[in-house]
Amino acid sequence: MSNIKISPKENSIDSFDLFDFIMTEIRCENDAINSRLQALLGSQSFLVIAYATALTGFYRDGATNLTILIPCLFCLLGFMLAVMALAGIRAGYAAISKWEGRQRELIAQNAIFGKLTLFSNEDEAYDTERRSQRGSIFTHKAPLLFMFAWTVFFSIPAILFAFNYLDGPTFR
């Protein structure tokens, strides 16, 4: 955190320190989003491997019908982790949006801060915001993609079970 100086006379924060504080908060929220995304990707990769390993147990001789339950549990776990990550990522972006609003207000009040940002006029600010939104598509869509994949993965054991049940033990 930056050294925020509060003047004893005015009981207010220096504008530059406030700008620095806002920029630090935006960086912290970005780091939190990146950490959430990394945790999601790590957990999902582990669960996909566990799912595939559990699904291979279905083809072994003497496998019971309960072996189909384990891959389904991995699907539910993966789906729920993606739902929780989506909520955390959306909350992070909402916080960033609020901090960026405060940053824009401060820039409007003090023109000198415009030189400290990537844009100097409204058109550049709009272009920068559009590029940022396009760059964050993966972060926004990754949890949704995982939720869709786990829904599809959930149906695979059910289909295998149905074919095995209808055809008898010859499917193994």
C-alpha atoms as a PDB file:
ATOM      1  CA  MET A   1       0.000   0.000   0.000  1.00  0.00           C
ATOM      2  CA  SER A   2       1.209   3.525  -0.651  1.00  0.00           C
ATOM      3  CA  ASN A   3       2.081   6.126   1.942  1.00  0.00           C
ATOM      4  CA  ILE A   4      -1.111   8.116   2.201  1.00  0.00           C
ATOM      5  CA  LYS A   5      -0.581  11.499   3.826  1.00  0.00           C
ATOM      6  CA  ILE A   6      -3.464  13.109   5.604  1.00  0.00           C
ATOM      7  CA  SER A   7      -2.954  16.796   6.156  1.00  0.00           C
ATOM      8  CA  PRO A   8      -3.871  17.848   9.696  1.00  0.00           C
ATOM      9  CA  LYS A   9      -5.489  21.101   8.525  1.00  0.00           C
ATOM     10  CA  GLU A  10      -7.869  19.746   5.927  1.00  0.00           C
ATOM     11  CA  ASN A  11      -8.206  16.176   7.161  1.00  0.00           C
ATOM     12  CA  SER A  12      -8.054  15.028   3.515  1.00  0.00           C
ATOM     13  CA  ILE A  13      -5.829  12.868   1.372  1.00  0.00           C
ATOM     14  CA  ASP A  14      -3.443  14.365  -1.183  1.00  0.00           C
ATOM     15  CA  SER A  15      -4.793  13.861  -4.737  1.00  0.00           C
ATOM     16  CA  PHE A  16      -1.656  12.119  -5.974  1.00  0.00           C
ATOM     17  CA  ASP A  17      -1.732   9.705  -3.046  1.00  0.00           C
ATOM     18  CA  LEU A  18      -5.395   9.033  -3.728  1.00  0.00           C
ATOM     19  CA  PHE A  19      -4.629   8.339  -7.388  1.00  0.00           C
ATOM     20  CA  ASP A  20      -1.816   5.999  -6.340  1.00  0.00           C
ATOM     21  CA  PHE A  21      -4.138   4.254  -3.890  1.00  0.00           C
ATOM     22  CA  ILE A  22      -6.796   3.718  -6.570  1.00  0.00           C
ATOM     23  CA  MET A  23      -4.218   2.324  -8.997  1.00  0.00           C
ATOM     24  CA  THR A  24      -2.956  -0.027  -6.269  1.00  0.00           C
ATOM     25  CA  GLU A  25      -6.480  -1.240  -5.552  1.00  0.00           C
ATOM     26  CA  ILE A  26      -7.059  -1.936  -9.255  1.00  0.00           C
ATOM     27  CA  ARG A  27      -3.797  -3.910  -9.387  1.00  0.00           C
ATOM     28  CA  CYS A  28      -4.779  -5.884  -6.277  1.00  0.00           C
ATOM     29  CA  GLU A  29      -8.169  -6.766  -7.766  1.00  0.00           C
ATOM     30  CA  ASN A  30      -6.475  -7.828 -11.016  1.00  0.00           C
ATOM     31  CA  ASP A  31      -4.108 -10.038  -9.036  1.00  0.00           C
ATOM     32  CA  ALA A  32      -7.041 -11.559  -7.155  1.00  0.00           C
ATOM     33  CA  ILE A  33      -8.837 -12.331 -10.421  1.00  0.00           C
ATOM     34  CA  ASN A  34      -5.689 -13.904 -11.850  1.00  0.00           C
ATOM     35  CA  SER A  35      -5.279 -16.020  -8.715  1.00  0.00           C
ATOM     36  CA  ARG A  36      -8.886 -17.188  -8.932  1.00  0.00           C
ATOM     37  CA  LEU A  37      -8.451 -18.084 -12.582  1.00  0.00           C
ATOM     38  CA  GLN A  38      -5.219 -19.983 -11.882  1.00  0.00           C
ATOM     39  CA  ALA A  39      -6.904 -21.900  -9.065  1.00  0.00           C
ATOM     40  CA  LEU A  40      -9.816 -22.743 -11.380  1.00  0.00           C
ATOM     41  CA  LEU A  41      -7.526 -23.980 -14.144  1.00  0.00           C
ATOM     42  CA  GLY A  42      -5.466 -26.055 -11.712  1.00  0.00           C
ATOM     43  CA  SER A  43      -8.492 -27.658 -10.087  1.00  0.00           C
ATOM     44  CA  GLN A  44     -10.160 -28.360 -13.412  1.00  0.00           C
ATOM     45  CA  SER A  45      -7.075 -29.997 -14.899  1.00  0.00           C
ATOM     46  CA  PHE A  46      -6.769 -32.244 -11.840  1.00  0.00           C
ATOM     47  CA  LEU A  47     -10.461 -33.158 -12.006  1.00  0.00           C
ATOM     48  CA  VAL A  48     -10.310 -33.973 -15.734  1.00  0.00           C
ATOM     49  CA  ILE A  49      -7.449 -36.398 -15.070  1.00  0.00           C
ATOM     50  CA  ALA A  50      -9.293 -37.920 -12.115  1.00  0.00           C
ATOM     51  CA  TYR A  51     -12.463 -38.186 -14.209  1.00  0.00           C
ATOM     52  CA  ALA A  52     -10.686 -39.957 -17.056  1.00  0.00           C
ATOM     53  CA  THR A  53      -8.942 -42.332 -14.644  1.00  0.00           C
ATOM     54  CA  ALA A  54     -12.206 -43.138 -12.871  1.00  0.00           C
ATOM     55  CA  LEU A  55     -13.980 -43.663 -16.175  1.00  0.00           C
ATOM     56  CA  THR A  56     -11.436 -46.275 -17.253  1.00  0.00           C
ATOM     57  CA  GLY A  57     -12.414 -48.330 -14.203  1.00  0.00           C
ATOM     58  CA  PHE A  58     -15.782 -48.906 -15.841  1.00  0.00           C
ATOM     59  CA  TYR A  59     -14.233 -51.152 -18.486  1.00  0.00           C
ATOM     60  CA  ARG A  60     -12.402 -53.494 -16.116  1.00  0.00           C
ATOM     61  CA  ASP A  61     -13.654 -57.001 -15.603  1.00  0.00           C
ATOM     62  CA  GLY A  62     -15.738 -57.349 -12.499  1.00  0.00           C
ATOM     63  CA  ALA A  63     -16.537 -53.645 -12.342  1.00  0.00           C
ATOM     64  CA  THR A  64     -19.808 -52.955 -10.611  1.00  0.00           C
ATOM     65  CA  ASN A  65     -22.420 -50.507 -11.690  1.00  0.00           C
ATOM     66  CA  LEU A  66     -21.344 -48.245  -8.829  1.00  0.00           C
ATOM     67  CA  THR A  67     -18.073 -47.474 -10.631  1.00  0.00           C
ATOM     68  CA  ILE A  68     -20.076 -45.174 -12.866  1.00  0.00           C
ATOM     69  CA  LEU A  69     -20.936 -43.042  -9.833  1.00  0.00           C
ATOM     70  CA  ILE A  70     -17.371 -41.823  -9.218  1.00  0.00           C
ATOM     71  CA  PRO A  71     -16.958 -40.021 -12.580  1.00  0.00           C
ATOM     72  CA  CYS A  72     -20.347 -38.384 -12.042  1.00  0.00           C
ATOM     73  CA  LEU A  73     -19.198 -37.093  -8.650  1.00  0.00           C
ATOM     74  CA  PHE A  74     -16.104 -35.593 -10.280  1.00  0.00           C
ATOM     75  CA  CYS A  75     -18.416 -33.903 -12.792  1.00  0.00           C
ATOM     76  CA  LEU A  76     -20.521 -32.385 -10.038  1.00  0.00           C
ATOM     77  CA  LEU A  77     -17.436 -31.198  -8.187  1.00  0.00           C
ATOM     78  CA  GLY A  78     -15.952 -29.642 -11.322  1.00  0.00           C
ATOM     79  CA  PHE A  79     -19.235 -27.946 -12.153  1.00  0.00           C
ATOM     80  CA  MET A  80     -19.595 -26.503  -8.638  1.00  0.00           C
ATOM     81  CA  LEU A  81     -15.993 -25.231  -8.598  1.00  0.00           C
ATOM     82  CA  ALA A  82     -16.617 -23.471 -11.914  1.00  0.00           C
ATOM     83  CA  VAL A  83     -19.794 -21.869 -10.530  1.00  0.00           C
ATOM     84  CA  MET A  84     -17.927 -20.596  -7.475  1.00  0.00           C
ATOM     85  CA  ALA A  85     -15.038 -19.300  -9.589  1.00  0.00           C
ATOM     86  CA  LEU A  86     -17.459 -17.487 -11.886  1.00  0.00           C
ATOM     87  CA  ALA A  87     -18.966 -15.649  -8.917  1.00  0.00           C
ATOM     88  CA  GLY A  88     -15.526 -14.655  -7.630  1.00  0.00           C
ATOM     89  CA  ILE A  89     -14.309 -13.480 -11.014  1.00  0.00           C
ATOM     90  CA  ARG A  90     -17.443 -11.424 -11.630  1.00  0.00           C
ATOM     91  CA  ALA A  91     -17.138  -9.847  -8.174  1.00  0.00           C
ATOM     92  CA  GLY A  92     -13.526  -8.923  -8.909  1.00  0.00           C
ATOM     93  CA  TYR A  93     -14.450  -7.266 -12.181  1.00  0.00           C
ATOM     94  CA  ALA A  94     -17.296  -5.388 -10.474  1.00  0.00           C
ATOM     95  CA  ALA A  95     -14.832  -4.028  -7.906  1.00  0.00           C
ATOM     96  CA  ILE A  96     -12.401  -3.025 -10.656  1.00  0.00           C
ATOM     97  CA  SER A  97     -15.207  -1.219 -12.458  1.00  0.00           C
ATOM     98  CA  LYS A  98     -15.992   0.808  -9.329  1.00  0.00           C
ATOM     99  CA  TRP A  99     -12.335   1.692  -8.769  1.00  0.00           C
ATOM    100  CA  GLU A 100     -11.973   2.705 -12.426  1.00  0.00           C
ATOM    101  CA  GLY A 101     -15.010   4.956 -12.027  1.00  0.00           C
ATOM    102  CA  ARG A 102     -13.343   6.678  -9.096  1.00  0.00           C
ATOM    103  CA  GLN A 103     -10.160   6.944 -11.133  1.00  0.00           C
ATOM    104  CA  ARG A 104     -12.049   8.640 -13.996  1.00  0.00           C
ATOM    105  CA  GLU A 105     -13.597  11.098 -11.525  1.00  0.00           C
ATOM    106  CA  LEU A 106     -10.178  11.956 -10.137  1.00  0.00           C
ATOM    107  CA  ILE A 107      -8.766  12.403 -13.648  1.00  0.00           C
ATOM    108  CA  ALA A 108     -11.681  14.702 -14.519  1.00  0.00           C
ATOM    109  CA  GLN A 109     -10.943  16.800 -11.417  1.00  0.00           C
ATOM    110  CA  ASN A 110      -7.156  16.920 -11.960  1.00  0.00           C
ATOM    111  CA  ALA A 111      -6.041  17.033 -15.589  1.00  0.00           C
ATOM    112  CA  ILE A 112      -2.447  16.215 -14.636  1.00  0.00           C
ATOM    113  CA  PHE A 113      -3.447  12.616 -13.866  1.00  0.00           C
ATOM    114  CA  GLY A 114      -4.454  12.102 -17.480  1.00  0.00           C
ATOM    115  CA  LYS A 115      -0.754  12.077 -18.338  1.00  0.00           C
ATOM    116  CA  LEU A 116      -0.203   9.209 -15.896  1.00  0.00           C
ATOM    117  CA  THR A 117      -2.661   6.916 -17.690  1.00  0.00           C
ATOM    118  CA  LEU A 118      -2.621   5.189 -21.066  1.00  0.00           C
ATOM    119  CA  PHE A 119      -5.059   7.640 -22.590  1.00  0.00           C
ATOM    120  CA  SER A 120      -5.103  11.376 -22.889  1.00  0.00           C
ATOM    121  CA  ASN A 121      -8.549  11.929 -24.379  1.00  0.00           C
ATOM    122  CA  GLU A 122     -11.976  10.313 -24.359  1.00  0.00           C
ATOM    123  CA  ASP A 123     -11.442   8.384 -27.623  1.00  0.00           C
ATOM    124  CA  GLU A 124      -8.258   6.761 -26.361  1.00  0.00           C
ATOM    125  CA  ALA A 125      -9.987   5.914 -23.088  1.00  0.00           C
ATOM    126  CA  TYR A 126     -12.827   4.218 -24.981  1.00  0.00           C
ATOM    127  CA  ASP A 127     -10.406   2.277 -27.202  1.00  0.00           C
ATOM    128  CA  THR A 128      -8.367   1.174 -24.196  1.00  0.00           C
ATOM    129  CA  GLU A 129     -11.493   0.027 -22.371  1.00  0.00           C
ATOM    130  CA  ARG A 130     -12.675  -1.951 -25.442  1.00  0.00           C
ATOM    131  CA  ARG A 131      -9.284  -3.683 -25.780  1.00  0.00           C
ATOM    132  CA  SER A 132      -9.351  -4.504 -22.093  1.00  0.00           C
ATOM    133  CA  GLN A 133     -12.819  -6.019 -22.383  1.00  0.00           C
ATOM    134  CA  ARG A 134     -11.805  -8.128 -25.387  1.00  0.00           C
ATOM    135  CA  GLY A 135      -8.713  -9.264 -23.517  1.00  0.00           C
ATOM    136  CA  SER A 136     -10.758 -10.431 -20.550  1.00  0.00           C
ATOM    137  CA  ILE A 137     -13.110 -12.641 -22.581  1.00  0.00           C
ATOM    138  CA  PHE A 138     -11.217 -15.788 -21.580  1.00  0.00           C
ATOM    139  CA  THR A 139     -11.410 -14.868 -17.915  1.00  0.00           C
ATOM    140  CA  HIS A 140     -15.148 -14.287 -18.151  1.00  0.00           C
ATOM    141  CA  LYS A 141     -15.921 -17.300 -20.332  1.00  0.00           C
ATOM    142  CA  ALA A 142     -13.593 -19.969 -18.872  1.00  0.00           C
ATOM    143  CA  PRO A 143     -15.911 -20.891 -15.968  1.00  0.00           C
ATOM    144  CA  LEU A 144     -18.874 -21.083 -18.358  1.00  0.00           C
ATOM    145  CA  LEU A 145     -16.872 -23.296 -20.700  1.00  0.00           C
ATOM    146  CA  PHE A 146     -15.954 -25.615 -17.833  1.00  0.00           C
ATOM    147  CA  MET A 147     -19.580 -25.772 -16.684  1.00  0.00           C
ATOM    148  CA  PHE A 148     -20.630 -26.791 -20.200  1.00  0.00           C
ATOM    149  CA  ALA A 149     -17.826 -29.377 -20.430  1.00  0.00           C
ATOM    150  CA  TRP A 150     -18.745 -30.931 -17.075  1.00  0.00           C
ATOM    151  CA  THR A 151     -22.367 -31.156 -18.199  1.00  0.00           C
ATOM    152  CA  VAL A 152     -21.271 -33.062 -21.309  1.00  0.00           C
ATOM    153  CA  PHE A 153     -18.865 -35.205 -19.279  1.00  0.00           C
ATOM    154  CA  PHE A 154     -21.696 -36.046 -16.890  1.00  0.00           C
ATOM    155  CA  SER A 155     -23.704 -37.549 -19.732  1.00  0.00           C
ATOM    156  CA  ILE A 156     -20.893 -39.864 -20.892  1.00  0.00           C
ATOM    157  CA  PRO A 157     -21.055 -42.264 -17.910  1.00  0.00           C
ATOM    158  CA  ALA A 158     -24.847 -42.272 -18.110  1.00  0.00           C
ATOM    159  CA  ILE A 159     -24.719 -43.257 -21.792  1.00  0.00           C
ATOM    160  CA  LEU A 160     -22.088 -45.914 -21.109  1.00  0.00           C
ATOM    161  CA  PHE A 161     -24.178 -47.270 -18.257  1.00  0.00           C
ATOM    162  CA  ALA A 162     -27.293 -47.384 -20.447  1.00  0.00           C
ATOM    163  CA  PHE A 163     -25.482 -49.250 -23.228  1.00  0.00           C
ATOM    164  CA  ASN A 164     -23.930 -51.641 -20.735  1.00  0.00           C
ATOM    165  CA  TYR A 165     -27.273 -52.267 -19.049  1.00  0.00           C
ATOM    166  CA  LEU A 166     -29.109 -52.863 -22.338  1.00  0.00           C
ATOM    167  CA  ASP A 167     -26.416 -55.004 -23.981  1.00  0.00           C
ATOM    168  CA  GLY A 168     -25.419 -56.959 -20.926  1.00  0.00           C
ATOM    169  CA  PRO A 169     -21.843 -57.697 -19.860  1.00  0.00           C
ATOM    170  CA  THR A 170     -20.558 -57.924 -23.459  1.00  0.00           C
ATOM    171  CA  PHE A 171     -20.009 -54.161 -23.644  1.00  0.00           C
ATOM    172  CA  ARG A 172     -17.093 -54.330 -21.222  1.00  0.00           C
END
